[in-house]
Protein backbone atom coordinates (compact mmCIF):
# COMPACT_ATOMS: atom_id res chain seq x y z
CA MET A 1 -8.79 15.91 -53.59
CA THR A 2 -6.74 15.55 -50.43
CA THR A 3 -7.71 13.33 -47.67
CA PRO A 4 -6.99 14.94 -44.37
CA ALA A 5 -4.41 13.05 -42.37
CA SER A 6 -5.94 11.12 -39.62
CA SER A 7 -4.70 11.66 -35.94
CA ALA A 8 -4.91 9.06 -33.34
CA SER A 9 -6.73 10.46 -30.25
CA PRO A 10 -4.36 10.61 -27.28
CA THR A 11 -4.92 7.82 -24.89
CA VAL A 12 -5.94 9.17 -21.55
CA SER A 13 -4.94 7.02 -18.35
CA PRO A 14 -7.47 6.53 -15.72
CA PRO A 15 -7.28 8.49 -12.47
CA ALA A 16 -5.29 6.86 -9.64
CA ALA A 17 -7.42 5.42 -7.02
CA VAL A 18 -5.30 7.30 -4.61
CA GLU A 19 -2.73 10.11 -5.35
CA THR A 20 -0.98 12.37 -2.98
CA ARG A 21 1.11 15.34 -4.43
CA LYS A 22 3.95 16.95 -2.29
CA LEU A 23 2.10 15.71 0.88
CA ARG A 24 3.89 16.87 4.06
CA LYS A 25 3.12 16.71 7.59
CA SER A 26 4.94 18.48 10.44
CA PHE A 27 4.60 19.02 14.20
CA GLY A 28 6.27 22.14 14.89
CA ALA A 29 9.80 21.54 13.37
CA PHE A 30 9.46 17.76 13.35
CA VAL A 31 8.74 16.79 9.89
CA VAL A 32 7.04 13.26 9.77
CA THR A 33 5.84 13.23 6.00
CA ASP A 34 8.17 15.01 3.71
CA ASN A 35 6.70 15.96 0.51
CA VAL A 36 5.65 12.62 -0.59
CA ASP A 37 4.29 11.81 -4.20
CA PHE A 38 2.62 8.61 -4.41
CA ARG A 39 0.06 6.72 -6.54
CA LEU A 40 -2.10 3.96 -5.90
CA GLU A 41 -3.32 2.36 -9.21
CA GLN A 42 -7.05 1.25 -9.59
CA GLY A 43 -7.33 -2.23 -8.45
CA ALA A 44 -3.71 -2.33 -7.12
CA ARG A 45 -1.90 -4.72 -4.67
CA HIS A 46 0.45 -1.92 -3.20
CA ALA A 47 2.53 -2.36 -0.05
CA LEU A 48 4.00 0.57 1.95
CA ILE A 49 6.94 -0.75 4.12
CA GLY A 50 9.98 0.88 5.83
CA PRO A 51 11.80 0.67 9.11
CA ASN A 52 10.03 1.81 12.45
CA GLY A 53 9.63 5.46 12.53
CA ALA A 54 9.49 5.80 8.70
CA GLY A 55 6.20 7.50 8.71
CA LYS A 56 3.98 4.91 7.50
CA THR A 57 1.15 5.17 9.83
CA THR A 58 1.29 8.71 9.54
CA PHE A 59 0.83 8.58 5.79
CA VAL A 60 -1.99 6.09 6.21
CA ASN A 61 -3.51 8.71 8.72
CA LEU A 62 -3.00 11.59 6.27
CA VAL A 63 -4.73 9.51 3.30
CA SER A 64 -7.61 8.22 5.34
CA GLY A 65 -8.54 11.51 7.02
CA ALA A 66 -7.44 10.94 10.49
CA LEU A 67 -4.85 13.48 10.07
CA GLN A 68 -4.87 16.80 7.99
CA PRO A 69 -1.71 17.50 6.16
CA THR A 70 0.37 20.76 6.84
CA SER A 71 0.46 21.06 3.09
CA GLY A 72 0.22 18.92 -0.29
CA ALA A 73 -3.00 17.33 -1.64
CA ILE A 74 -4.90 14.10 -1.63
CA SER A 75 -7.03 12.83 -4.61
CA LEU A 76 -9.54 10.02 -4.52
CA ASP A 77 -10.50 8.73 -8.21
CA GLY A 78 -9.23 12.18 -9.34
CA THR A 79 -11.16 14.39 -7.05
CA ASP A 80 -9.63 16.24 -4.52
CA ILE A 81 -10.47 15.10 -0.93
CA THR A 82 -7.53 16.81 1.10
CA SER A 83 -10.10 18.82 3.21
CA LEU A 84 -12.67 15.97 3.72
CA THR A 85 -13.13 14.25 6.95
CA GLN A 86 -12.57 10.41 7.51
CA ALA A 87 -16.32 9.97 7.68
CA GLN A 88 -16.79 11.55 4.29
CA ARG A 89 -13.76 9.65 2.76
CA VAL A 90 -15.48 6.17 3.90
CA LYS A 91 -18.64 7.35 2.12
CA ARG A 92 -16.80 7.90 -1.07
CA GLY A 93 -14.97 4.57 -0.90
CA LEU A 94 -11.84 4.95 1.10
CA VAL A 95 -11.94 2.43 4.18
CA ARG A 96 -9.12 1.52 6.40
CA THR A 97 -8.27 -1.09 9.11
CA PHE A 98 -6.34 -0.42 11.94
CA GLN A 99 -2.97 -2.06 13.71
CA ILE A 100 -5.01 -2.72 16.60
CA ASN A 101 -8.68 -3.66 15.79
CA GLN A 102 -11.43 -1.55 16.51
CA LEU A 103 -14.09 -3.89 16.69
CA PHE A 104 -17.12 -4.16 19.17
CA ARG A 105 -15.87 -6.80 21.57
CA LYS A 106 -19.10 -7.54 23.24
CA LEU A 107 -21.03 -7.97 19.93
CA SER A 108 -21.05 -10.94 17.58
CA VAL A 109 -19.34 -11.16 14.39
CA LEU A 110 -22.38 -10.78 12.44
CA GLU A 111 -23.40 -7.64 14.57
CA ASN A 112 -20.09 -6.07 13.67
CA VAL A 113 -20.41 -6.66 10.29
CA GLY A 114 -24.41 -5.87 10.10
CA LEU A 115 -23.64 -2.55 11.93
CA ALA A 116 -20.94 -1.49 9.09
CA ILE A 117 -23.69 -2.06 6.76
CA THR A 118 -26.29 -0.16 8.44
CA GLU A 119 -23.89 2.62 8.90
CA ARG A 120 -23.12 2.35 5.16
CA ASP A 121 -26.61 2.79 4.29
CA GLY A 122 -27.59 5.56 6.62
CA LEU A 123 -29.54 3.40 9.06
CA ALA A 124 -28.40 4.32 12.68
CA GLY A 125 -29.29 2.12 15.72
CA ASN A 126 -29.48 -1.39 16.71
CA VAL A 127 -29.02 -3.89 13.87
CA TRP A 128 -31.48 -6.29 15.44
CA ARG A 129 -34.33 -3.74 15.69
CA PRO A 130 -36.94 -3.21 14.44
CA ALA A 131 -37.06 -6.78 13.32
CA GLY A 132 -38.04 -6.31 9.79
CA ARG A 133 -36.08 -3.04 8.93
CA ASN A 134 -32.38 -4.46 9.03
CA ARG A 135 -33.24 -7.85 7.59
CA ALA A 136 -31.70 -6.98 4.36
CA ALA A 137 -28.48 -5.63 6.14
CA LEU A 138 -28.31 -8.87 8.28
CA ASP A 139 -28.67 -11.19 5.05
CA GLU A 140 -26.02 -9.18 3.20
CA ALA A 141 -23.69 -9.43 6.34
CA TYR A 142 -24.09 -13.02 6.53
CA ALA A 143 -23.58 -13.54 2.82
CA LEU A 144 -20.18 -11.54 3.28
CA LEU A 145 -19.19 -13.87 6.17
CA GLU A 146 -19.81 -16.84 4.08
CA ARG A 147 -17.67 -15.43 1.34
CA VAL A 148 -14.55 -14.72 3.78
CA GLY A 149 -14.86 -18.00 5.55
CA LEU A 150 -16.46 -16.66 8.74
CA ALA A 151 -20.00 -17.80 8.69
CA ALA A 152 -19.31 -20.63 11.24
CA ASP A 153 -18.41 -17.70 13.77
CA ALA A 154 -21.50 -15.37 12.93
CA MET A 155 -22.93 -15.76 16.27
CA ARG A 156 -19.72 -15.66 18.30
CA SER A 157 -18.75 -12.73 20.13
CA ILE A 158 -15.27 -10.88 19.18
CA GLU A 159 -13.93 -11.32 22.66
CA ASP A 160 -14.65 -15.28 22.27
CA LEU A 161 -12.42 -15.38 18.82
CA PRO A 162 -9.31 -16.20 18.28
CA TYR A 163 -6.99 -13.09 17.29
CA GLY A 164 -6.46 -14.20 13.67
CA ARG A 165 -10.09 -14.34 13.23
CA GLN A 166 -10.88 -10.97 14.75
CA ARG A 167 -8.46 -9.42 12.07
CA MET A 168 -10.40 -11.37 9.58
CA THR A 169 -13.76 -10.04 11.02
CA GLU A 170 -12.20 -6.39 10.77
CA ILE A 171 -11.51 -6.82 7.15
CA ALA A 172 -15.09 -8.16 6.78
CA VAL A 173 -16.20 -5.12 8.40
CA ALA A 174 -14.44 -2.78 6.08
CA LEU A 175 -15.74 -4.97 3.02
CA GLY A 176 -19.29 -4.29 4.34
CA LEU A 177 -18.61 -0.76 3.75
CA LYS A 178 -18.11 -1.50 -0.01
CA PRO A 179 -14.94 0.21 -0.50
CA ASN A 180 -13.13 1.10 -3.76
CA VAL A 181 -9.82 1.61 -1.76
CA LEU A 182 -8.92 -0.61 1.20
CA LEU A 183 -5.96 0.37 3.51
CA LEU A 184 -4.87 -2.48 5.48
CA ASP A 185 -2.54 -1.16 8.34
CA GLU A 186 -0.67 -4.25 9.60
CA PRO A 187 -3.49 -6.86 9.18
CA ALA A 188 -1.42 -9.81 10.60
CA ALA A 189 0.04 -7.56 13.68
CA GLY A 190 -0.39 -9.92 16.82
CA VAL A 191 -1.86 -12.86 14.84
CA PRO A 192 -0.25 -16.18 15.72
CA THR A 193 1.89 -17.55 13.12
CA GLY A 194 -0.46 -20.56 12.46
CA ASP A 195 -3.08 -18.08 11.42
CA VAL A 196 -1.44 -15.73 9.10
CA GLY A 197 -2.13 -17.82 6.35
CA LEU A 198 -5.77 -17.08 6.69
CA ILE A 199 -4.99 -13.40 6.55
CA ILE A 200 -2.90 -13.78 3.37
CA ASP A 201 -5.78 -16.01 1.75
CA LEU A 202 -8.21 -13.45 2.62
CA ILE A 203 -6.35 -10.56 1.17
CA GLU A 204 -5.60 -12.70 -1.86
CA GLN A 205 -9.18 -13.34 -2.35
CA LEU A 206 -10.39 -9.64 -2.21
CA PRO A 207 -12.35 -8.71 -5.17
CA ALA A 208 -9.94 -7.42 -8.05
CA GLU A 209 -11.87 -3.98 -8.40
CA ILE A 210 -10.82 -2.91 -5.10
CA ALA A 211 -7.16 -1.19 -4.91
CA VAL A 212 -5.60 -2.41 -1.89
CA LEU A 213 -2.85 -0.54 0.13
CA LEU A 214 -0.91 -2.90 2.59
CA ILE A 215 1.21 -1.68 5.47
CA GLU A 216 3.02 -4.50 6.79
CA HIS A 217 6.22 -5.59 8.76
CA ASP A 218 6.13 -9.32 7.62
CA MET A 219 7.94 -9.24 4.38
CA ALA A 220 6.54 -12.94 3.68
CA ILE A 221 3.13 -11.26 3.26
CA VAL A 222 4.53 -8.31 1.47
CA PHE A 223 6.09 -10.28 -1.00
CA ARG A 224 3.36 -12.65 -1.45
CA VAL A 225 0.59 -10.25 -2.01
CA ALA A 226 2.05 -7.07 -3.42
CA LYS A 227 2.67 -6.42 -7.11
CA ARG A 228 4.34 -2.99 -6.14
CA ILE A 229 6.16 -1.80 -3.28
CA THR A 230 6.99 1.64 -2.10
CA VAL A 231 9.69 2.13 0.71
CA LEU A 232 9.42 5.18 3.02
CA THR A 233 12.33 6.24 5.28
CA GLU A 234 12.58 9.35 7.54
CA GLY A 235 9.13 10.57 5.99
CA HIS A 236 9.90 10.47 2.34
CA VAL A 237 9.88 7.86 -0.37
CA LEU A 238 13.19 6.04 -0.89
CA ILE A 239 12.37 3.86 -3.77
CA GLU A 240 9.54 2.17 -5.56
CA GLY A 241 9.21 -0.72 -7.61
CA THR A 242 8.06 -4.28 -8.21
CA PRO A 243 8.82 -6.88 -5.45
CA ALA A 244 11.88 -8.05 -7.12
CA GLU A 245 13.28 -4.68 -7.66
CA ILE A 246 12.85 -3.68 -4.08
CA ALA A 247 14.47 -7.26 -2.72
CA ARG A 248 17.57 -6.60 -4.75
CA ASP A 249 17.94 -2.77 -4.13
CA PRO A 250 21.09 -1.99 -2.03
CA LYS A 251 19.47 1.08 -0.43
CA VAL A 252 16.61 -0.99 0.69
CA ARG A 253 19.05 -3.77 2.14
CA GLU A 254 20.85 -1.03 3.94
CA VAL A 255 18.06 1.01 5.57
CA TYR A 256 15.24 -1.56 5.87
CA LEU A 257 16.90 -5.07 6.07
CA GLY A 258 19.77 -3.87 8.10
CA GLU A 259 22.74 -4.70 5.88
CA ARG A 260 25.62 -2.27 5.80
CA LYS A 261 28.38 -2.05 3.41
CA THR A 262 31.67 -3.36 4.43
CA ALA A 263 35.12 -1.55 3.78
């Protein structure tokens, strides 16, 4: 009797948290994003860097839905989201922060986070009224502020906060939306040097299951936080690799760090 040979089942890789394929954005003849293939793995800590004008913000705007691509495709957890609006992508767990914070400056830290939670749960209107309706949202918001080290500032208005803590609040608001993917667009922009460590600590403490794409000019932050780095230049991917690979690559030194070969 012949025993049939056993065959191992092929290993199926999980879908990327975010993947772009031949992503392109042009404004007339001006190409800003040039056929970018990119993959953000589940739970990744990935940085996107490049010189000014490289197309980083445009790429993030395309992924988040703020812009529609000229061609190409974007998927989230294996599902095509190219045609979805920014709000629809947020509902599916794709959340971003902005280079300039978008907080309600007259409202408190707790109100800003509470509003994000009520929006997430489909409860429009004032987070404080009616009194009992949003109590769960406020409790969740306060627990989140405790987790990220902002509980002491819960009742302070945004306009009264130091800028570093405003940026921390923006990340807390994003976390209130329960993201699976978090796009951080220059979270340390404008933050005083003494407060940058607070931002780094908060990013490092983000839940491991959230995939993070960090767009940042501060290379100290990039090399501390990221496990993988993609370099953009003139709208296309120059190179991708580990921080060590990126740091020693001569092309990166030339186009990003400003080094030039000497004759």
